[in-house]
Amino acid sequence: MQVVEQYTTPYYKHILSLPPSSVRKLWKQNKITLIDVRTPEEYEDHHIPGAILIPLDYLEVLSKFLPDNDVAVICEHGNRALYATYGMPHIYKKKAIHMQYGMAGWIAMGYEVESEMNENGKKWMKLLDSIES
């Protein structure tokens, strides 16, 4: 049996779907920035160390602040991240990776998680304030 490690659509060559193991490998190699599109409450409860919170409701408005490198988009189960990548392909400057299975898959694999509201969890509010000012 052949295992598919990644999926890309012919319509959006810069959008990929990868499992948590592949995302973690890229993250550990400093090849991607992690973007968490969940709510602040979910982020505070548990998130990947170093992940930057940009709630899905504000992602398109704050897209000009997305990093210039490749990003992995993360949510709780993979559904919001799927919409945030394949549904908004125009907002990414480079490659965008939809992390399959979300935080549930990441945690099931036993990977590292933090529980707190940190500076990466608050950046989006400051960016939003700068737009509205």
N, C-alpha and C. Protein backbone atom coordinates (compact mmCIF):
# COMPACT_ATOMS: atom_id res chain seq x y z
N MET A 1 0.83 -1.18 0.00
CA MET A 1 0.00 0.00 0.00
C MET A 1 0.88 1.25 0.00
N GLN A 2 0.56 2.19 -0.85
CA GLN A 2 1.32 3.43 -0.95
C GLN A 2 0.66 4.50 -0.08
N VAL A 3 1.47 5.20 0.70
CA VAL A 3 0.97 6.26 1.55
C VAL A 3 1.24 7.59 0.86
N VAL A 4 0.21 8.40 0.76
CA VAL A 4 0.36 9.72 0.15
C VAL A 4 0.81 10.69 1.24
N GLU A 5 1.97 11.28 1.08
CA GLU A 5 2.52 12.20 2.06
C GLU A 5 2.00 13.62 1.87
N GLN A 6 1.66 13.98 0.66
CA GLN A 6 1.15 15.33 0.45
C GLN A 6 0.15 15.33 -0.68
N TYR A 7 -0.68 16.34 -0.66
CA TYR A 7 -1.68 16.51 -1.71
C TYR A 7 -1.62 17.96 -2.16
N THR A 8 -1.59 18.16 -3.43
CA THR A 8 -1.68 19.51 -3.98
C THR A 8 -2.67 19.48 -5.13
N THR A 9 -3.35 20.57 -5.32
CA THR A 9 -4.32 20.66 -6.39
C THR A 9 -3.66 21.30 -7.61
N PRO A 10 -4.05 20.92 -8.80
CA PRO A 10 -3.45 21.54 -9.99
C PRO A 10 -3.84 23.01 -10.13
N TYR A 11 -4.88 23.44 -9.42
CA TYR A 11 -5.34 24.81 -9.54
C TYR A 11 -4.54 25.78 -8.68
N TYR A 12 -4.03 25.30 -7.56
CA TYR A 12 -3.25 26.14 -6.65
C TYR A 12 -1.94 25.42 -6.33
N LYS A 13 -0.95 25.65 -7.13
CA LYS A 13 0.31 24.92 -6.95
C LYS A 13 1.05 25.33 -5.68
N HIS A 14 0.68 26.46 -5.08
CA HIS A 14 1.36 26.91 -3.87
C HIS A 14 0.62 26.51 -2.58
N ILE A 15 -0.43 25.71 -2.72
CA ILE A 15 -1.19 25.23 -1.56
C ILE A 15 -1.01 23.71 -1.45
N LEU A 16 -0.62 23.25 -0.26
CA LEU A 16 -0.41 21.83 -0.01
C LEU A 16 -1.18 21.40 1.23
N SER A 17 -1.46 20.11 1.33
CA SER A 17 -1.96 19.51 2.56
C SER A 17 -0.93 18.51 3.03
N LEU A 18 -0.50 18.64 4.27
CA LEU A 18 0.50 17.74 4.84
C LEU A 18 0.07 17.28 6.22
N PRO A 19 0.48 16.08 6.63
CA PRO A 19 0.17 15.59 7.97
C PRO A 19 1.05 16.30 9.01
N PRO A 20 0.66 16.23 10.28
CA PRO A 20 1.45 16.89 11.33
C PRO A 20 2.93 16.49 11.33
N SER A 21 3.25 15.26 11.03
CA SER A 21 4.65 14.83 11.04
C SER A 21 5.50 15.60 10.03
N SER A 22 4.95 15.85 8.86
CA SER A 22 5.69 16.60 7.84
C SER A 22 5.79 18.08 8.20
N VAL A 23 4.70 18.63 8.76
CA VAL A 23 4.72 20.02 9.19
C VAL A 23 5.76 20.20 10.30
N ARG A 24 5.79 19.27 11.24
CA ARG A 24 6.75 19.36 12.35
C ARG A 24 8.18 19.31 11.83
N LYS A 25 8.44 18.46 10.86
CA LYS A 25 9.78 18.36 10.28
C LYS A 25 10.20 19.69 9.65
N LEU A 26 9.32 20.30 8.87
CA LEU A 26 9.61 21.60 8.25
C LEU A 26 9.80 22.69 9.30
N TRP A 27 8.98 22.65 10.35
CA TRP A 27 9.06 23.62 11.43
C TRP A 27 10.39 23.49 12.17
N LYS A 28 10.78 22.27 12.48
CA LYS A 28 12.05 22.03 13.19
C LYS A 28 13.25 22.47 12.35
N GLN A 29 13.10 22.44 11.03
CA GLN A 29 14.17 22.88 10.12
C GLN A 29 14.09 24.38 9.84
N ASN A 30 13.19 25.08 10.53
CA ASN A 30 12.97 26.52 10.34
C ASN A 30 12.65 26.90 8.90
N LYS A 31 11.89 26.05 8.22
CA LYS A 31 11.52 26.30 6.83
C LYS A 31 10.13 26.92 6.69
N ILE A 32 9.36 26.94 7.78
CA ILE A 32 7.99 27.47 7.73
C ILE A 32 7.69 28.28 8.99
N THR A 33 6.69 29.14 8.87
CA THR A 33 6.12 29.84 10.01
C THR A 33 4.76 29.22 10.27
N LEU A 34 4.45 28.99 11.54
CA LEU A 34 3.16 28.39 11.90
C LEU A 34 2.13 29.48 12.17
N ILE A 35 1.02 29.41 11.46
CA ILE A 35 -0.09 30.36 11.64
C ILE A 35 -1.28 29.58 12.19
N ASP A 36 -1.72 29.95 13.38
CA ASP A 36 -2.84 29.31 14.06
C ASP A 36 -4.08 30.16 13.82
N VAL A 37 -5.12 29.58 13.22
CA VAL A 37 -6.31 30.35 12.87
C VAL A 37 -7.50 30.08 13.81
N ARG A 38 -7.21 29.53 14.97
CA ARG A 38 -8.28 29.25 15.94
C ARG A 38 -8.63 30.50 16.73
N THR A 39 -9.49 30.37 17.70
CA THR A 39 -9.88 31.49 18.55
C THR A 39 -8.80 31.74 19.61
N PRO A 40 -8.77 32.95 20.18
CA PRO A 40 -7.81 33.21 21.26
C PRO A 40 -7.95 32.23 22.43
N GLU A 41 -9.18 31.84 22.73
CA GLU A 41 -9.41 30.90 23.84
C GLU A 41 -8.78 29.54 23.54
N GLU A 42 -8.93 29.08 22.31
CA GLU A 42 -8.32 27.80 21.93
C GLU A 42 -6.80 27.90 21.97
N TYR A 43 -6.27 29.00 21.46
CA TYR A 43 -4.82 29.21 21.45
C TYR A 43 -4.27 29.21 22.88
N GLU A 44 -4.94 29.92 23.77
CA GLU A 44 -4.49 29.98 25.16
C GLU A 44 -4.51 28.61 25.81
N ASP A 45 -5.51 27.80 25.48
CA ASP A 45 -5.62 26.46 26.04
C ASP A 45 -4.49 25.55 25.59
N HIS A 46 -4.15 25.59 24.31
CA HIS A 46 -3.04 24.78 23.79
C HIS A 46 -2.68 25.23 22.38
N HIS A 47 -1.37 25.33 22.15
CA HIS A 47 -0.87 25.71 20.83
C HIS A 47 0.56 25.19 20.66
N ILE A 48 1.02 25.20 19.43
CA ILE A 48 2.38 24.78 19.14
C ILE A 48 3.31 25.93 19.51
N PRO A 49 4.41 25.65 20.21
CA PRO A 49 5.34 26.73 20.57
C PRO A 49 5.80 27.50 19.33
N GLY A 50 5.71 28.82 19.42
CA GLY A 50 6.13 29.66 18.31
C GLY A 50 5.05 29.97 17.29
N ALA A 51 3.90 29.30 17.38
CA ALA A 51 2.81 29.56 16.43
C ALA A 51 2.27 30.97 16.64
N ILE A 52 1.93 31.62 15.54
CA ILE A 52 1.38 32.97 15.58
C ILE A 52 -0.13 32.89 15.38
N LEU A 53 -0.86 33.45 16.33
CA LEU A 53 -2.33 33.43 16.25
C LEU A 53 -2.83 34.54 15.34
N ILE A 54 -3.61 34.16 14.35
CA ILE A 54 -4.41 35.09 13.55
C ILE A 54 -5.76 34.41 13.37
N PRO A 55 -6.75 34.76 14.22
CA PRO A 55 -8.04 34.10 14.13
C PRO A 55 -8.60 34.16 12.71
N LEU A 56 -9.26 33.09 12.30
CA LEU A 56 -9.78 32.97 10.94
C LEU A 56 -10.62 34.18 10.53
N ASP A 57 -11.41 34.71 11.44
CA ASP A 57 -12.26 35.86 11.13
C ASP A 57 -11.47 37.09 10.70
N TYR A 58 -10.18 37.15 11.06
CA TYR A 58 -9.35 38.32 10.76
C TYR A 58 -8.23 38.01 9.78
N LEU A 59 -8.16 36.78 9.31
CA LEU A 59 -7.04 36.36 8.47
C LEU A 59 -6.92 37.17 7.19
N GLU A 60 -8.00 37.35 6.49
CA GLU A 60 -7.92 38.08 5.23
C GLU A 60 -7.59 39.55 5.46
N VAL A 61 -8.18 40.16 6.47
CA VAL A 61 -7.90 41.56 6.79
C VAL A 61 -6.43 41.76 7.16
N LEU A 62 -5.85 40.79 7.87
CA LEU A 62 -4.47 40.90 8.32
C LEU A 62 -3.48 40.21 7.39
N SER A 63 -3.94 39.77 6.23
CA SER A 63 -3.07 38.99 5.34
C SER A 63 -1.83 39.74 4.88
N LYS A 64 -1.91 41.07 4.81
CA LYS A 64 -0.72 41.82 4.39
C LYS A 64 0.42 41.71 5.40
N PHE A 65 0.12 41.25 6.61
CA PHE A 65 1.13 41.06 7.64
C PHE A 65 1.67 39.63 7.71
N LEU A 66 1.17 38.76 6.84
CA LEU A 66 1.67 37.38 6.82
C LEU A 66 3.14 37.40 6.44
N PRO A 67 3.91 36.47 6.98
CA PRO A 67 5.35 36.45 6.65
C PRO A 67 5.60 36.17 5.17
N ASP A 68 6.77 36.57 4.70
CA ASP A 68 7.13 36.39 3.30
C ASP A 68 7.59 34.96 2.98
N ASN A 69 7.75 34.14 4.00
CA ASN A 69 8.19 32.76 3.77
C ASN A 69 6.99 31.80 3.72
N ASP A 70 7.25 30.52 3.57
CA ASP A 70 6.20 29.51 3.57
C ASP A 70 5.55 29.44 4.95
N VAL A 71 4.26 29.15 4.95
CA VAL A 71 3.52 29.06 6.21
C VAL A 71 2.76 27.74 6.28
N ALA A 72 2.55 27.27 7.51
CA ALA A 72 1.65 26.15 7.76
C ALA A 72 0.48 26.72 8.53
N VAL A 73 -0.73 26.42 8.08
CA VAL A 73 -1.94 26.95 8.70
C VAL A 73 -2.57 25.85 9.55
N ILE A 74 -2.86 26.20 10.80
CA ILE A 74 -3.27 25.21 11.80
C ILE A 74 -4.57 25.62 12.46
N CYS A 75 -5.43 24.63 12.70
CA CYS A 75 -6.63 24.85 13.51
C CYS A 75 -6.78 23.63 14.43
N GLU A 76 -7.96 23.40 14.96
CA GLU A 76 -8.14 22.31 15.92
C GLU A 76 -8.22 20.94 15.25
N HIS A 77 -9.00 20.82 14.17
CA HIS A 77 -9.17 19.52 13.51
C HIS A 77 -8.81 19.53 12.04
N GLY A 78 -8.46 20.67 11.48
CA GLY A 78 -8.06 20.77 10.08
C GLY A 78 -9.07 21.42 9.16
N ASN A 79 -10.30 21.63 9.64
CA ASN A 79 -11.34 22.17 8.77
C ASN A 79 -11.17 23.66 8.50
N ARG A 80 -10.95 24.45 9.54
CA ARG A 80 -10.75 25.89 9.34
C ARG A 80 -9.46 26.15 8.56
N ALA A 81 -8.43 25.36 8.83
CA ALA A 81 -7.17 25.52 8.09
C ALA A 81 -7.35 25.17 6.62
N LEU A 82 -8.21 24.21 6.34
CA LEU A 82 -8.50 23.86 4.95
C LEU A 82 -9.14 25.05 4.24
N TYR A 83 -10.11 25.67 4.89
CA TYR A 83 -10.75 26.85 4.31
C TYR A 83 -9.75 28.02 4.19
N ALA A 84 -8.90 28.17 5.21
CA ALA A 84 -7.95 29.29 5.24
C ALA A 84 -6.86 29.15 4.18
N THR A 85 -6.66 27.97 3.64
CA THR A 85 -5.64 27.79 2.58
C THR A 85 -6.31 27.68 1.21
N TYR A 86 -7.04 26.62 0.99
CA TYR A 86 -7.67 26.41 -0.32
C TYR A 86 -8.77 27.43 -0.61
N GLY A 87 -9.40 27.97 0.42
CA GLY A 87 -10.45 28.96 0.23
C GLY A 87 -9.95 30.39 0.09
N MET A 88 -8.69 30.61 0.47
CA MET A 88 -8.09 31.95 0.38
C MET A 88 -6.69 31.89 -0.22
N PRO A 89 -6.51 31.24 -1.34
CA PRO A 89 -5.15 31.07 -1.87
C PRO A 89 -4.46 32.37 -2.24
N HIS A 90 -5.24 33.42 -2.49
CA HIS A 90 -4.70 34.70 -2.93
C HIS A 90 -3.95 35.48 -1.84
N ILE A 91 -4.10 35.10 -0.57
CA ILE A 91 -3.48 35.90 0.50
C ILE A 91 -2.04 35.49 0.83
N TYR A 92 -1.57 34.39 0.27
CA TYR A 92 -0.24 33.88 0.63
C TYR A 92 0.82 34.33 -0.36
N LYS A 93 1.95 34.78 0.18
CA LYS A 93 3.05 35.27 -0.64
C LYS A 93 3.88 34.13 -1.21
N LYS A 94 3.97 33.04 -0.46
CA LYS A 94 4.72 31.85 -0.89
C LYS A 94 3.81 30.64 -0.73
N LYS A 95 4.38 29.53 -0.33
CA LYS A 95 3.62 28.29 -0.16
C LYS A 95 2.83 28.32 1.14
N ALA A 96 1.59 27.83 1.08
CA ALA A 96 0.74 27.68 2.27
C ALA A 96 0.41 26.20 2.44
N ILE A 97 0.63 25.71 3.63
CA ILE A 97 0.41 24.29 3.94
C ILE A 97 -0.77 24.17 4.89
N HIS A 98 -1.76 23.40 4.47
CA HIS A 98 -2.88 23.06 5.34
C HIS A 98 -2.44 21.86 6.17
N MET A 99 -2.37 22.02 7.51
CA MET A 99 -1.97 20.89 8.35
C MET A 99 -3.19 20.00 8.59
N GLN A 100 -3.15 18.81 8.00
CA GLN A 100 -4.23 17.85 8.15
C GLN A 100 -4.38 17.45 9.63
N TYR A 101 -5.59 17.20 10.04
CA TYR A 101 -5.93 16.69 11.38
C TYR A 101 -5.74 17.73 12.49
N GLY A 102 -5.20 18.89 12.17
CA GLY A 102 -5.08 19.99 13.11
C GLY A 102 -4.33 19.67 14.40
N MET A 103 -4.65 20.45 15.43
CA MET A 103 -4.01 20.27 16.73
C MET A 103 -4.34 18.90 17.32
N ALA A 104 -5.52 18.38 17.01
CA ALA A 104 -5.89 17.06 17.51
C ALA A 104 -4.90 16.01 17.00
N GLY A 105 -4.52 16.10 15.73
CA GLY A 105 -3.54 15.17 15.17
C GLY A 105 -2.15 15.40 15.74
N TRP A 106 -1.79 16.68 15.91
CA TRP A 106 -0.48 17.04 16.48
C TRP A 106 -0.35 16.45 17.89
N ILE A 107 -1.37 16.66 18.70
CA ILE A 107 -1.36 16.17 20.09
C ILE A 107 -1.37 14.65 20.12
N ALA A 108 -2.15 14.03 19.23
CA ALA A 108 -2.20 12.56 19.17
C ALA A 108 -0.83 11.97 18.86
N MET A 109 -0.01 12.71 18.13
CA MET A 109 1.34 12.24 17.81
C MET A 109 2.31 12.47 18.97
N GLY A 110 1.87 13.18 20.01
CA GLY A 110 2.71 13.41 21.18
C GLY A 110 3.69 14.56 21.00
N TYR A 111 3.41 15.45 20.04
CA TYR A 111 4.32 16.57 19.79
C TYR A 111 4.13 17.68 20.82
N GLU A 112 5.10 18.58 20.86
CA GLU A 112 5.14 19.64 21.86
C GLU A 112 3.97 20.62 21.75
N VAL A 113 3.48 21.04 22.93
CA VAL A 113 2.34 21.95 23.03
C VAL A 113 2.58 22.87 24.23
N GLU A 114 2.17 24.13 24.09
CA GLU A 114 2.20 25.08 25.20
C GLU A 114 0.77 25.48 25.55
N SER A 115 0.59 25.93 26.78
CA SER A 115 -0.72 26.41 27.23
C SER A 115 -0.54 27.75 27.92
N GLU A 116 -0.77 28.82 27.17
CA GLU A 116 -0.68 30.17 27.73
C GLU A 116 -1.01 31.16 26.62
N MET A 117 -1.34 32.36 27.01
CA MET A 117 -1.47 33.44 26.04
C MET A 117 -0.15 34.19 26.07
N ASN A 118 0.57 34.16 24.96
CA ASN A 118 1.87 34.81 24.89
C ASN A 118 1.84 35.94 23.86
N GLU A 119 3.00 36.52 23.58
CA GLU A 119 3.08 37.63 22.62
C GLU A 119 2.61 37.21 21.22
N ASN A 120 2.94 35.98 20.80
CA ASN A 120 2.49 35.51 19.49
C ASN A 120 0.97 35.37 19.42
N GLY A 121 0.35 35.23 20.57
CA GLY A 121 -1.11 35.14 20.62
C GLY A 121 -1.79 36.50 20.64
N LYS A 122 -1.02 37.55 20.89
CA LYS A 122 -1.59 38.90 20.99
C LYS A 122 -1.24 39.79 19.79
N LYS A 123 -0.30 39.38 18.96
CA LYS A 123 0.15 40.21 17.84
C LYS A 123 -1.00 40.65 16.93
N TRP A 124 -1.93 39.74 16.66
CA TRP A 124 -3.01 40.04 15.74
C TRP A 124 -3.85 41.23 16.21
N MET A 125 -4.04 41.36 17.53
CA MET A 125 -4.84 42.48 18.05
C MET A 125 -4.12 43.81 17.81
N LYS A 126 -2.81 43.81 18.00
CA LYS A 126 -2.02 45.02 17.77
C LYS A 126 -2.04 45.39 16.29
N LEU A 127 -1.93 44.40 15.43
CA LEU A 127 -1.98 44.66 13.99
C LEU A 127 -3.34 45.20 13.57
N LEU A 128 -4.39 44.63 14.15
CA LEU A 128 -5.74 45.09 13.86
C LEU A 128 -5.93 46.54 14.31
N ASP A 129 -5.41 46.87 15.48
CA ASP A 129 -5.48 48.25 15.99
C ASP A 129 -4.76 49.21 15.05
N SER A 130 -3.61 48.77 14.50
CA SER A 130 -2.85 49.66 13.61
C SER A 130 -3.60 49.93 12.31
N ILE A 131 -4.41 49.00 11.86
CA ILE A 131 -5.20 49.19 10.65
C ILE A 131 -6.35 50.15 10.92
N GLU A 132 -6.99 49.98 12.07
CA GLU A 132 -8.17 50.77 12.42
C GLU A 132 -7.82 52.20 12.84
N SER A 133 -6.57 52.43 13.22
CA SER A 133 -6.16 53.78 13.67
C SER A 133 -6.00 54.74 12.53
